[in-house]
């Protein structure tokens, strides 16, 4: 699998992780410290993957 394809799948997986965190914390979306840490890690994965994909320009 190419690096770009792998980056895309990693970003999508991280976005699904974020979606799950938001679903679990609905309706007020108050995150506990563990969930906040997971959210930050997922956002970092998305940002990293987007960086790879932006390199395609």
N, C-alpha and C. Protein backbone atom coordinates (compact mmCIF):
# COMPACT_ATOMS: atom_id res chain seq x y z
N UNK A 1 0.85 -1.16 0.00
CA UNK A 1 0.00 0.00 0.00
C UNK A 1 0.91 1.24 0.00
N UNK A 2 0.54 2.23 -0.80
CA UNK A 2 1.36 3.44 -0.88
C UNK A 2 1.28 4.23 0.42
N UNK A 3 2.26 5.09 0.62
CA UNK A 3 2.31 5.92 1.82
C UNK A 3 1.08 6.82 1.90
N UNK A 4 0.67 7.35 0.75
CA UNK A 4 -0.49 8.25 0.72
C UNK A 4 -1.77 7.51 1.09
N UNK A 5 -1.94 6.32 0.56
CA UNK A 5 -3.13 5.52 0.88
C UNK A 5 -3.14 5.17 2.35
N UNK A 6 -2.00 4.78 2.87
CA UNK A 6 -1.89 4.46 4.29
C UNK A 6 -2.23 5.68 5.15
N UNK A 7 -1.74 6.85 4.75
CA UNK A 7 -2.03 8.08 5.49
C UNK A 7 -3.52 8.38 5.48
N UNK A 8 -4.16 8.16 4.34
CA UNK A 8 -5.60 8.40 4.24
C UNK A 8 -6.37 7.48 5.19
N UNK A 9 -6.02 6.21 5.21
CA UNK A 9 -6.71 5.27 6.09
C UNK A 9 -6.45 5.58 7.57
N UNK A 10 -5.23 6.01 7.90
CA UNK A 10 -4.94 6.40 9.28
C UNK A 10 -5.77 7.61 9.70
N UNK A 11 -5.89 8.58 8.79
CA UNK A 11 -6.69 9.77 9.09
C UNK A 11 -8.15 9.40 9.29
N UNK A 12 -8.68 8.56 8.42
CA UNK A 12 -10.08 8.15 8.54
C UNK A 12 -10.32 7.38 9.84
N UNK A 13 -9.38 6.53 10.20
CA UNK A 13 -9.50 5.77 11.44
C UNK A 13 -9.48 6.70 12.65
N UNK A 14 -8.60 7.68 12.63
CA UNK A 14 -8.52 8.63 13.74
C UNK A 14 -9.80 9.46 13.82
N UNK A 15 -10.37 9.83 12.68
CA UNK A 15 -11.63 10.57 12.69
C UNK A 15 -12.76 9.72 13.25
N UNK A 16 -12.75 8.44 12.97
CA UNK A 16 -13.74 7.53 13.56
C UNK A 16 -13.56 7.45 15.07
N UNK A 17 -12.30 7.46 15.53
CA UNK A 17 -12.04 7.46 16.97
C UNK A 17 -12.62 8.72 17.62
N UNK A 18 -12.45 9.86 16.95
CA UNK A 18 -13.01 11.11 17.46
C UNK A 18 -14.53 11.03 17.50
N UNK A 19 -15.11 10.51 16.45
CA UNK A 19 -16.57 10.35 16.39
C UNK A 19 -17.07 9.49 17.55
N UNK A 20 -16.35 8.42 17.83
CA UNK A 20 -16.75 7.53 18.92
C UNK A 20 -16.65 8.23 20.27
N UNK A 21 -15.60 9.01 20.47
CA UNK A 21 -15.47 9.78 21.72
C UNK A 21 -16.64 10.74 21.88
N UNK A 22 -17.01 11.41 20.81
CA UNK A 22 -18.13 12.34 20.87
C UNK A 22 -19.45 11.61 21.11
N UNK A 23 -19.59 10.45 20.50
CA UNK A 23 -20.80 9.65 20.71
C UNK A 23 -20.91 9.21 22.16
N UNK A 24 -19.80 8.77 22.73
CA UNK A 24 -19.80 8.31 24.12
C UNK A 24 -20.08 9.44 25.11
N UNK A 25 -19.70 10.64 24.76
CA UNK A 25 -19.85 11.76 25.69
C UNK A 25 -21.10 12.60 25.42
N UNK A 26 -21.92 12.17 24.49
CA UNK A 26 -23.16 12.91 24.18
C UNK A 26 -24.08 12.86 25.39
N UNK A 27 -24.91 13.82 25.61
CA UNK A 27 -25.22 14.95 24.74
C UNK A 27 -24.39 16.19 25.05
N UNK A 28 -23.71 16.23 26.18
CA UNK A 28 -22.99 17.46 26.56
C UNK A 28 -21.54 17.48 26.09
N UNK A 29 -21.02 16.34 25.71
CA UNK A 29 -19.65 16.21 25.22
C UNK A 29 -18.62 16.70 26.23
N UNK A 30 -18.87 16.40 27.50
CA UNK A 30 -17.87 16.67 28.54
C UNK A 30 -16.94 15.47 28.58
N UNK A 31 -15.68 15.71 28.30
CA UNK A 31 -14.71 14.63 28.25
C UNK A 31 -13.93 14.56 29.56
N UNK A 32 -13.70 13.33 30.02
CA UNK A 32 -12.85 13.15 31.20
C UNK A 32 -11.38 13.25 30.74
N UNK A 33 -10.44 13.31 31.66
CA UNK A 33 -9.03 13.47 31.27
C UNK A 33 -8.52 12.39 30.31
N UNK A 34 -8.96 11.17 30.51
CA UNK A 34 -8.53 10.08 29.62
C UNK A 34 -9.08 10.29 28.21
N UNK A 35 -10.33 10.70 28.12
CA UNK A 35 -10.94 10.96 26.81
C UNK A 35 -10.27 12.16 26.13
N UNK A 36 -9.94 13.17 26.91
CA UNK A 36 -9.25 14.34 26.34
C UNK A 36 -7.90 13.94 25.76
N UNK A 37 -7.19 13.08 26.48
CA UNK A 37 -5.90 12.61 25.99
C UNK A 37 -6.09 11.83 24.69
N UNK A 38 -7.09 10.97 24.64
CA UNK A 38 -7.37 10.21 23.43
C UNK A 38 -7.74 11.13 22.28
N UNK A 39 -8.50 12.18 22.58
CA UNK A 39 -8.89 13.14 21.55
C UNK A 39 -7.67 13.86 20.98
N UNK A 40 -6.80 14.32 21.85
CA UNK A 40 -5.58 15.00 21.40
C UNK A 40 -4.73 14.08 20.53
N UNK A 41 -4.59 12.82 20.95
CA UNK A 41 -3.80 11.86 20.18
C UNK A 41 -4.43 11.62 18.81
N UNK A 42 -5.74 11.51 18.76
CA UNK A 42 -6.43 11.29 17.48
C UNK A 42 -6.26 12.50 16.56
N UNK A 43 -6.37 13.69 17.12
CA UNK A 43 -6.19 14.90 16.31
C UNK A 43 -4.76 14.97 15.77
N UNK A 44 -3.79 14.59 16.58
CA UNK A 44 -2.40 14.57 16.12
C UNK A 44 -2.21 13.58 14.97
N UNK A 45 -2.88 12.43 15.05
CA UNK A 45 -2.81 11.45 13.96
C UNK A 45 -3.41 12.02 12.68
N UNK A 46 -4.54 12.69 12.81
CA UNK A 46 -5.17 13.31 11.64
C UNK A 46 -4.22 14.34 11.04
N UNK A 47 -3.68 15.21 11.88
CA UNK A 47 -2.77 16.26 11.39
C UNK A 47 -1.55 15.67 10.70
N UNK A 48 -1.00 14.63 11.26
CA UNK A 48 0.16 13.98 10.67
C UNK A 48 -0.18 13.39 9.30
N UNK A 49 -1.31 12.73 9.23
CA UNK A 49 -1.74 12.12 7.97
C UNK A 49 -2.04 13.17 6.92
N UNK A 50 -2.66 14.26 7.33
CA UNK A 50 -2.96 15.35 6.40
C UNK A 50 -1.65 15.94 5.87
N UNK A 51 -0.65 16.03 6.71
CA UNK A 51 0.65 16.52 6.27
C UNK A 51 1.22 15.66 5.15
N UNK A 52 1.09 14.35 5.27
CA UNK A 52 1.55 13.45 4.21
C UNK A 52 0.75 13.71 2.94
N UNK A 53 -0.55 13.82 3.08
CA UNK A 53 -1.41 14.02 1.91
C UNK A 53 -1.17 15.38 1.27
N UNK A 54 -0.87 16.40 2.06
CA UNK A 54 -0.58 17.72 1.49
C UNK A 54 0.71 17.70 0.69
N UNK A 55 1.57 16.78 0.99
CA UNK A 55 2.81 16.64 0.23
C UNK A 55 2.58 16.22 -1.21
N UNK A 56 1.36 15.83 -1.53
CA UNK A 56 1.03 15.42 -2.90
C UNK A 56 0.84 16.60 -3.83
N UNK A 57 0.68 17.79 -3.27
CA UNK A 57 0.41 18.98 -4.11
C UNK A 57 1.54 19.25 -5.06
